[in-house]
């Protein structure tokens, strides 16, 4: 789930020689360099997507180095998703959605979320101007584009439809990818709507081919659409790895929480200026578009890195509603921890206003 997020901007980034080191299936466990600094390898589910911007921003700001850890970033591909690369030991951590921890737990694998970056999926249901869709209740009889069948956007589409009493046989879902292919599906009528993220959302709006019918991109939007915060972008790692590398885990979390604070206290333009040019300007959007998009959806990010109360319960409710097997037996308290984020907040002098999720989610 939540795969195939590689877009054209990453290709450009690779060409520019940015820090997107590819991962192999061997020799990628945590290590130290000659100076004793620990190295942690993180694969991100689409490193150039705005929903995952804290990972590269932390690198650009020098925060990984500042807090004593060497982080090697890579981006997932069609061949391997970030969460699967982490679960198989190809990398130490994954930049991926929290809900994967529930999926892994249902399959008997212990994976946990060690810092929560966002309280909303960062997605919007973008619908063609002539679609007649203004809420999930209008999905009946429509063809809806998702990143890929079985992906996170697929699950969310099913979830918001089910909340509006629609079964999956009342509408049709197709995989349309992300970026240019999602835009094309909407433009040529292959799909009435597509669920996608920034900056694709702004590209669709700029071209005048669609509008946002459902906001799952901000915390306020998530509360309205799914009834509460819906934790998504996060750092996932195998529980065994976390338990044996607590110092490295803490340093990564502290760097990312510092980055979240920086995001919270800086403008979208400041953030865009700090990122690699290939992330903010490409064939689909200009840098001004990127800034407009980030201004619109910056509210998804959580400044303190805390897993919020009821967030895990809402994610579990999604899984139940769409029929994921064996989730009733999942112990939510084992799928996340606030230990590292709370320690980071203390180190950074952050006074959190969040209500942390308890052991029952």
Protein backbone atom coordinates (compact mmCIF):
# COMPACT_ATOMS: atom_id res chain seq x y z
CA UNK A 1 0.00 0.00 0.00
CA UNK A 2 0.89 3.69 -0.48
CA UNK A 3 3.32 2.93 -3.29
CA UNK A 4 4.32 4.30 -6.68
CA UNK A 5 4.96 7.87 -5.61
CA UNK A 6 8.06 8.47 -7.73
CA UNK A 7 7.59 11.48 -10.02
CA UNK A 8 9.49 13.26 -12.70
CA UNK A 9 11.04 15.75 -10.32
CA UNK A 10 12.97 12.99 -8.60
CA UNK A 11 14.48 12.02 -11.93
CA UNK A 12 15.63 15.61 -12.28
CA UNK A 13 16.98 15.56 -8.76
CA UNK A 14 18.99 12.45 -9.47
CA UNK A 15 20.43 14.11 -12.53
CA UNK A 16 21.56 16.99 -10.35
CA UNK A 17 23.34 14.61 -8.00
CA UNK A 18 21.24 15.35 -4.93
CA UNK A 19 21.37 13.22 -1.80
CA UNK A 20 19.02 10.51 -3.04
CA UNK A 21 21.31 7.56 -2.68
CA UNK A 22 19.77 4.38 -4.03
CA UNK A 23 19.51 1.43 -1.70
CA UNK A 24 20.55 -2.09 -2.42
CA UNK A 25 19.24 -5.24 -0.82
CA UNK A 26 22.46 -5.85 1.06
CA UNK A 27 24.70 -4.11 3.55
CA UNK A 28 22.26 -1.36 4.43
CA UNK A 29 21.93 -1.73 8.19
CA UNK A 30 22.85 1.01 10.64
CA UNK A 31 26.59 1.72 10.79
CA UNK A 32 29.09 4.38 11.88
CA UNK A 33 31.57 6.41 9.90
CA UNK A 34 35.22 6.83 10.80
CA UNK A 35 34.38 9.62 13.25
CA UNK A 36 31.86 7.48 15.10
CA UNK A 37 28.75 9.25 13.75
CA UNK A 38 25.94 6.76 13.23
CA UNK A 39 24.56 6.36 9.72
CA UNK A 40 20.86 5.73 9.22
CA UNK A 41 19.34 4.90 5.84
CA UNK A 42 15.82 6.18 5.17
CA UNK A 43 13.75 5.43 2.09
CA UNK A 44 10.92 7.90 1.52
CA UNK A 45 7.65 7.24 -0.29
CA UNK A 46 8.25 9.95 -2.88
CA UNK A 47 10.89 12.28 -1.53
CA UNK A 48 9.92 15.23 -3.74
CA UNK A 49 6.27 15.21 -2.69
CA UNK A 50 5.16 17.97 -0.36
CA UNK A 51 3.70 15.50 2.12
CA UNK A 52 7.25 14.21 2.72
CA UNK A 53 9.20 17.46 2.46
CA UNK A 54 10.53 17.38 6.08
CA UNK A 55 12.97 14.58 5.20
CA UNK A 56 14.93 16.50 2.56
CA UNK A 57 14.43 19.83 4.33
CA UNK A 58 16.14 18.45 7.44
CA UNK A 59 19.08 17.52 5.23
CA UNK A 60 19.20 20.96 3.58
CA UNK A 61 19.06 22.74 6.95
CA UNK A 62 21.86 20.59 8.34
CA UNK A 63 19.70 19.31 11.19
CA UNK A 64 20.68 15.63 10.89
CA UNK A 65 24.31 16.65 11.23
CA UNK A 66 23.51 19.11 14.02
CA UNK A 67 21.88 16.42 16.14
CA UNK A 68 24.62 13.88 15.52
CA UNK A 69 23.44 11.45 12.86
CA UNK A 70 24.37 10.85 9.23
CA UNK A 71 21.18 10.23 7.24
CA UNK A 72 21.26 8.75 3.76
CA UNK A 73 18.00 9.45 1.93
CA UNK A 74 16.54 7.55 -0.99
CA UNK A 75 13.17 7.47 -2.71
CA UNK A 76 10.96 4.49 -3.41
CA UNK A 77 10.36 3.15 -6.91
CA UNK A 78 7.84 0.96 -8.68
CA UNK A 79 10.05 -1.99 -7.77
CA UNK A 80 9.95 -1.50 -4.00
CA UNK A 81 7.88 0.63 -1.64
CA UNK A 82 9.56 2.44 1.24
CA UNK A 83 7.70 0.48 3.91
CA UNK A 84 8.57 -2.84 2.27
CA UNK A 85 12.23 -1.90 1.95
CA UNK A 86 12.27 -1.10 5.67
CA UNK A 87 10.42 -4.27 6.64
CA UNK A 88 12.83 -6.41 4.62
CA UNK A 89 15.91 -4.74 6.11
CA UNK A 90 17.07 -2.95 2.95
CA UNK A 91 16.93 0.34 4.86
CA UNK A 92 16.68 1.23 8.53
CA UNK A 93 13.64 3.50 8.37
CA UNK A 94 10.84 4.41 6.00
CA UNK A 95 9.19 7.75 5.37
CA UNK A 96 5.70 6.36 4.93
CA UNK A 97 2.15 6.47 6.28
CA UNK A 98 1.35 5.38 9.83
CA UNK A 99 -1.37 3.00 8.66
CA UNK A 100 1.31 0.59 7.42
CA UNK A 101 2.08 -0.29 11.03
CA UNK A 102 -1.47 -1.64 11.39
CA UNK A 103 -1.12 -3.63 8.18
CA UNK A 104 2.16 -5.13 9.36
CA UNK A 105 0.73 -5.91 12.81
CA UNK A 106 -2.21 -7.71 11.21
CA UNK A 107 0.37 -9.90 9.46
CA UNK A 108 2.32 -10.53 12.67
CA UNK A 109 5.23 -8.16 11.97
CA UNK A 110 6.27 -5.59 14.59
CA UNK A 111 6.77 -2.17 12.98
CA UNK A 112 6.28 1.13 14.79
CA UNK A 113 5.85 4.81 14.03
CA UNK A 114 8.50 6.75 15.98
CA UNK A 115 7.54 10.32 15.04
CA UNK A 116 4.38 11.71 13.46
CA UNK A 117 4.92 14.35 10.79
CA UNK A 118 1.35 15.05 9.72
CA UNK A 119 -2.20 14.77 10.98
CA UNK A 120 -3.79 14.50 7.54
CA UNK A 121 -3.13 12.43 4.41
CA UNK A 122 -2.14 15.46 2.34
CA UNK A 123 -4.50 14.30 -0.42
CA UNK A 124 -7.31 16.03 -2.27
CA UNK A 125 -10.05 14.56 -4.42
CA UNK A 126 -9.58 16.56 -7.61
CA UNK A 127 -12.58 16.36 -9.91
CA UNK A 128 -13.04 17.40 -13.55
CA UNK A 129 -15.05 20.55 -14.08
CA UNK A 130 -17.91 18.63 -15.71
CA UNK A 131 -17.88 15.70 -13.26
CA UNK A 132 -20.74 16.84 -11.05
CA UNK A 133 -18.87 15.55 -7.99
CA UNK A 134 -18.88 17.81 -4.95
CA UNK A 135 -18.67 15.24 -2.15
CA UNK A 136 -18.12 11.48 -1.81
CA UNK A 137 -21.90 11.06 -1.97
CA UNK A 138 -21.60 11.92 -5.68
CA UNK A 139 -19.18 9.05 -6.44
CA UNK A 140 -21.99 6.72 -7.56
CA UNK A 141 -21.55 5.73 -11.20
CA UNK A 142 -18.21 7.53 -11.52
CA UNK A 143 -14.72 6.32 -12.41
CA UNK A 144 -12.28 7.44 -9.74
CA UNK A 145 -8.53 7.61 -10.20
CA UNK A 146 -6.19 6.39 -7.45
CA UNK A 147 -2.41 6.08 -7.42
CA UNK A 148 -2.69 2.33 -7.84
CA UNK A 149 -5.23 -0.31 -6.83
CA UNK A 150 -4.37 -1.35 -3.29
CA UNK A 151 -2.58 1.93 -2.58
CA UNK A 152 -3.31 4.40 0.19
CA UNK A 153 -5.32 6.63 -2.11
CA UNK A 154 -7.35 3.55 -3.05
CA UNK A 155 -8.04 2.78 0.62
CA UNK A 156 -8.97 6.40 1.36
CA UNK A 157 -11.29 6.51 -1.65
CA UNK A 158 -13.08 3.40 -0.43
CA UNK A 159 -13.23 4.82 3.09
CA UNK A 160 -14.81 8.17 2.26
CA UNK A 161 -17.23 6.45 -0.13
CA UNK A 162 -18.23 3.93 2.55
CA UNK A 163 -18.82 6.76 5.00
CA UNK A 164 -21.39 8.01 2.51
CA UNK A 165 -23.09 4.59 2.28
CA UNK A 166 -21.59 3.66 -1.09
CA UNK A 167 -20.29 0.14 -1.71
CA UNK A 168 -17.42 -0.53 -4.10
CA UNK A 169 -19.77 -1.91 -6.76
CA UNK A 170 -21.44 1.50 -7.06
CA UNK A 171 -18.37 3.21 -8.54
CA UNK A 172 -15.22 2.20 -10.43
CA UNK A 173 -11.58 2.70 -9.40
CA UNK A 174 -8.57 2.73 -11.71
CA UNK A 175 -4.85 3.29 -11.16
CA UNK A 176 -3.65 6.55 -12.71
CA UNK A 177 -0.29 7.01 -11.02
CA UNK A 178 0.79 10.45 -9.86
CA UNK A 179 1.83 13.74 -11.39
CA UNK A 180 1.52 13.95 -15.19
CA UNK A 181 -0.36 10.64 -15.56
CA UNK A 182 -2.95 11.65 -12.97
CA UNK A 183 -3.42 15.00 -14.69
CA UNK A 184 -3.83 13.29 -18.06
CA UNK A 185 -6.47 10.89 -16.69
CA UNK A 186 -8.53 13.83 -15.50
CA UNK A 187 -7.97 15.87 -18.63
CA UNK A 188 -8.86 13.17 -21.15
CA UNK A 189 -11.90 11.92 -19.26
CA UNK A 190 -10.43 8.60 -18.20
CA UNK A 191 -11.42 9.47 -14.63
CA UNK A 192 -14.03 11.84 -13.25
CA UNK A 193 -11.84 12.49 -10.20
CA UNK A 194 -8.35 11.61 -9.02
CA UNK A 195 -7.01 11.54 -5.48
CA UNK A 196 -3.64 13.26 -5.45
CA UNK A 197 -1.27 15.53 -3.54
CA UNK A 198 0.56 18.79 -4.03
CA UNK A 199 2.03 19.99 -6.27
CA UNK A 200 -0.19 18.00 -8.68
CA UNK A 201 -3.27 19.63 -7.10
CA UNK A 202 -2.04 23.10 -8.01
CA UNK A 203 -1.07 21.96 -11.52
CA UNK A 204 -4.66 20.76 -12.08
CA UNK A 205 -6.08 24.01 -10.74
CA UNK A 206 -3.65 26.12 -12.77
CA UNK A 207 -4.63 24.35 -15.99
CA UNK A 208 -8.29 24.91 -15.22
CA UNK A 209 -9.24 21.26 -15.65
CA UNK A 210 -10.48 20.45 -12.15
CA UNK A 211 -11.23 21.52 -8.60
CA UNK A 212 -10.87 20.17 -5.07
CA UNK A 213 -14.05 18.35 -4.04
CA UNK A 214 -12.73 16.73 -0.85
CA UNK A 215 -9.96 18.13 1.34
CA UNK A 216 -7.84 15.47 3.02
CA UNK A 217 -4.79 17.68 2.82
CA UNK A 218 -5.04 19.67 6.04
CA UNK A 219 -5.84 18.74 9.62
CA UNK A 220 -9.06 20.77 9.46
CA UNK A 221 -10.00 19.07 6.20
CA UNK A 222 -9.32 15.63 7.63
CA UNK A 223 -11.50 16.38 10.64
CA UNK A 224 -14.36 17.37 8.32
CA UNK A 225 -13.92 14.50 5.85
CA UNK A 226 -13.10 11.55 8.10
CA UNK A 227 -14.25 12.77 11.49
CA UNK A 228 -10.89 13.51 13.10
CA UNK A 229 -7.14 13.67 12.67
CA UNK A 230 -5.84 10.98 10.33
CA UNK A 231 -2.10 10.48 10.93
CA UNK A 232 -0.22 9.85 7.74
CA UNK A 233 3.40 10.86 6.97
CA UNK A 234 5.70 9.44 9.62
CA UNK A 235 8.92 7.56 10.28
CA UNK A 236 8.51 3.80 10.48
CA UNK A 237 11.03 1.23 11.67
CA UNK A 238 11.03 -2.37 12.78
CA UNK A 239 10.52 -2.53 16.54
CA UNK A 240 13.56 -4.77 16.99
CA UNK A 241 15.69 -2.20 15.16
CA UNK A 242 14.34 0.66 17.28
CA UNK A 243 15.01 -1.22 20.52
CA UNK A 244 18.60 -1.89 19.52
CA UNK A 245 19.30 1.59 18.05
CA UNK A 246 17.53 3.96 20.42
CA UNK A 247 20.26 6.59 20.28
CA UNK A 248 20.18 6.75 16.48
CA UNK A 249 16.39 6.76 16.47
CA UNK A 250 16.31 9.65 18.94
CA UNK A 251 18.75 11.71 16.88
CA UNK A 252 16.69 11.25 13.70
CA UNK A 253 13.49 12.19 15.53
CA UNK A 254 15.04 15.26 17.16
CA UNK A 255 16.30 16.46 13.76
CA UNK A 256 12.87 15.99 12.19
CA UNK A 257 10.98 17.65 15.05
CA UNK A 258 13.38 20.59 14.79
CA UNK A 259 12.52 20.68 11.09
CA UNK A 260 8.79 20.63 11.85
CA UNK A 261 9.27 23.60 14.16
CA UNK A 262 11.18 25.38 11.41
CA UNK A 263 8.31 24.70 8.99
CA UNK A 264 5.84 26.05 11.55
CA UNK A 265 7.75 29.30 12.00
CA UNK A 266 8.66 29.98 8.38
CA UNK A 267 6.70 30.86 5.27
CA UNK A 268 6.07 28.57 2.33
CA UNK A 269 8.48 30.74 0.33
CA UNK A 270 11.21 30.25 2.95
CA UNK A 271 10.66 26.48 2.82
CA UNK A 272 10.72 26.39 -0.98
CA UNK A 273 13.93 28.44 -1.04
CA UNK A 274 15.57 25.93 1.29
CA UNK A 275 14.71 22.90 -0.83
CA UNK A 276 16.61 21.70 -3.92
CA UNK A 277 15.39 23.52 -7.08
CA UNK A 278 14.38 20.23 -8.70
CA UNK A 279 11.82 19.70 -5.93
CA UNK A 280 10.04 23.02 -6.42
CA UNK A 281 10.03 23.56 -10.17
CA UNK A 282 9.42 21.05 -12.96
CA UNK A 283 7.36 20.45 -16.07
CA UNK A 284 4.09 20.52 -14.13
CA UNK A 285 4.59 23.44 -11.72
CA UNK A 286 6.69 26.55 -11.30
CA UNK A 287 8.28 27.57 -8.03
CA UNK A 288 5.49 30.10 -7.53
CA UNK A 289 2.99 27.26 -7.97
CA UNK A 290 4.86 25.20 -5.41
CA UNK A 291 4.76 28.04 -2.90
CA UNK A 292 1.03 28.57 -3.50
CA UNK A 293 0.41 24.86 -2.99
CA UNK A 294 2.45 24.71 0.19
CA UNK A 295 0.75 27.81 1.58
CA UNK A 296 -2.58 26.07 1.00
CA UNK A 297 -1.68 22.74 2.60
CA UNK A 298 1.08 23.51 5.12
CA UNK A 299 -1.45 22.92 7.89
CA UNK A 300 -1.04 19.16 7.60
CA UNK A 301 2.28 19.21 9.46
CA UNK A 302 2.44 18.69 13.23
CA UNK A 303 5.04 20.98 14.87
CA UNK A 304 5.71 18.72 17.86
CA UNK A 305 5.92 15.28 16.19
CA UNK A 306 3.40 13.82 18.62
CA UNK A 307 0.97 11.07 17.62
CA UNK A 308 -2.34 12.77 18.49
CA UNK A 309 -5.09 11.19 20.54
CA UNK A 310 -7.61 9.22 18.47
CA UNK A 311 -5.34 9.31 15.40
CA UNK A 312 -4.51 5.58 15.55
CA UNK A 313 -8.17 4.76 16.22
CA UNK A 314 -9.22 6.68 13.10
CA UNK A 315 -6.64 4.85 10.99
CA UNK A 316 -7.82 1.50 12.40
CA UNK A 317 -11.44 2.44 11.64
CA UNK A 318 -10.41 3.01 8.03
CA UNK A 319 -8.91 -0.46 7.81
CA UNK A 320 -12.01 -2.05 9.33
CA UNK A 321 -14.40 -0.21 7.07
CA UNK A 322 -12.61 -1.27 3.89
CA UNK A 323 -12.36 -4.89 5.08
CA UNK A 324 -8.67 -5.39 5.87
CA UNK A 325 -8.29 -8.81 7.50
CA UNK A 326 -7.11 -9.51 11.07
CA UNK A 327 -7.05 -5.88 12.22
CA UNK A 328 -9.36 -6.59 15.18
CA UNK A 329 -6.44 -8.31 16.90
CA UNK A 330 -4.03 -5.38 16.45
CA UNK A 331 -2.69 -3.79 19.64
CA UNK A 332 -2.58 -0.11 18.65
CA UNK A 333 -0.22 0.72 21.51
CA UNK A 334 2.50 -1.30 19.79
CA UNK A 335 2.13 0.49 16.45
CA UNK A 336 3.47 3.88 17.59
CA UNK A 337 5.47 5.57 20.32
CA UNK A 338 5.60 9.18 21.51
CA UNK A 339 8.75 8.49 23.55
CA UNK A 340 11.16 9.99 21.04
CA UNK A 341 9.04 12.98 20.03
CA UNK A 342 8.42 13.94 23.66
CA UNK A 343 12.16 13.71 24.37
CA UNK A 344 12.86 15.83 21.29
CA UNK A 345 10.32 18.44 22.40
CA UNK A 346 12.07 18.63 25.77
CA UNK A 347 15.49 18.97 24.17
CA UNK A 348 14.27 21.68 21.80
CA UNK A 349 12.30 23.57 24.45
CA UNK A 350 8.97 22.97 22.68
CA UNK A 351 5.79 23.24 24.70
CA UNK A 352 3.43 20.82 22.99
CA UNK A 353 -0.28 21.60 22.87
CA UNK A 354 -1.17 18.17 21.50
CA UNK A 355 -2.99 15.54 23.49
CA UNK A 356 -0.82 12.43 22.96
CA UNK A 357 -2.50 9.19 21.97
CA UNK A 358 -2.65 6.65 24.78
CA UNK A 359 -1.92 2.96 24.57
CA UNK A 360 -5.38 2.34 23.12
CA UNK A 361 -4.84 4.88 20.36
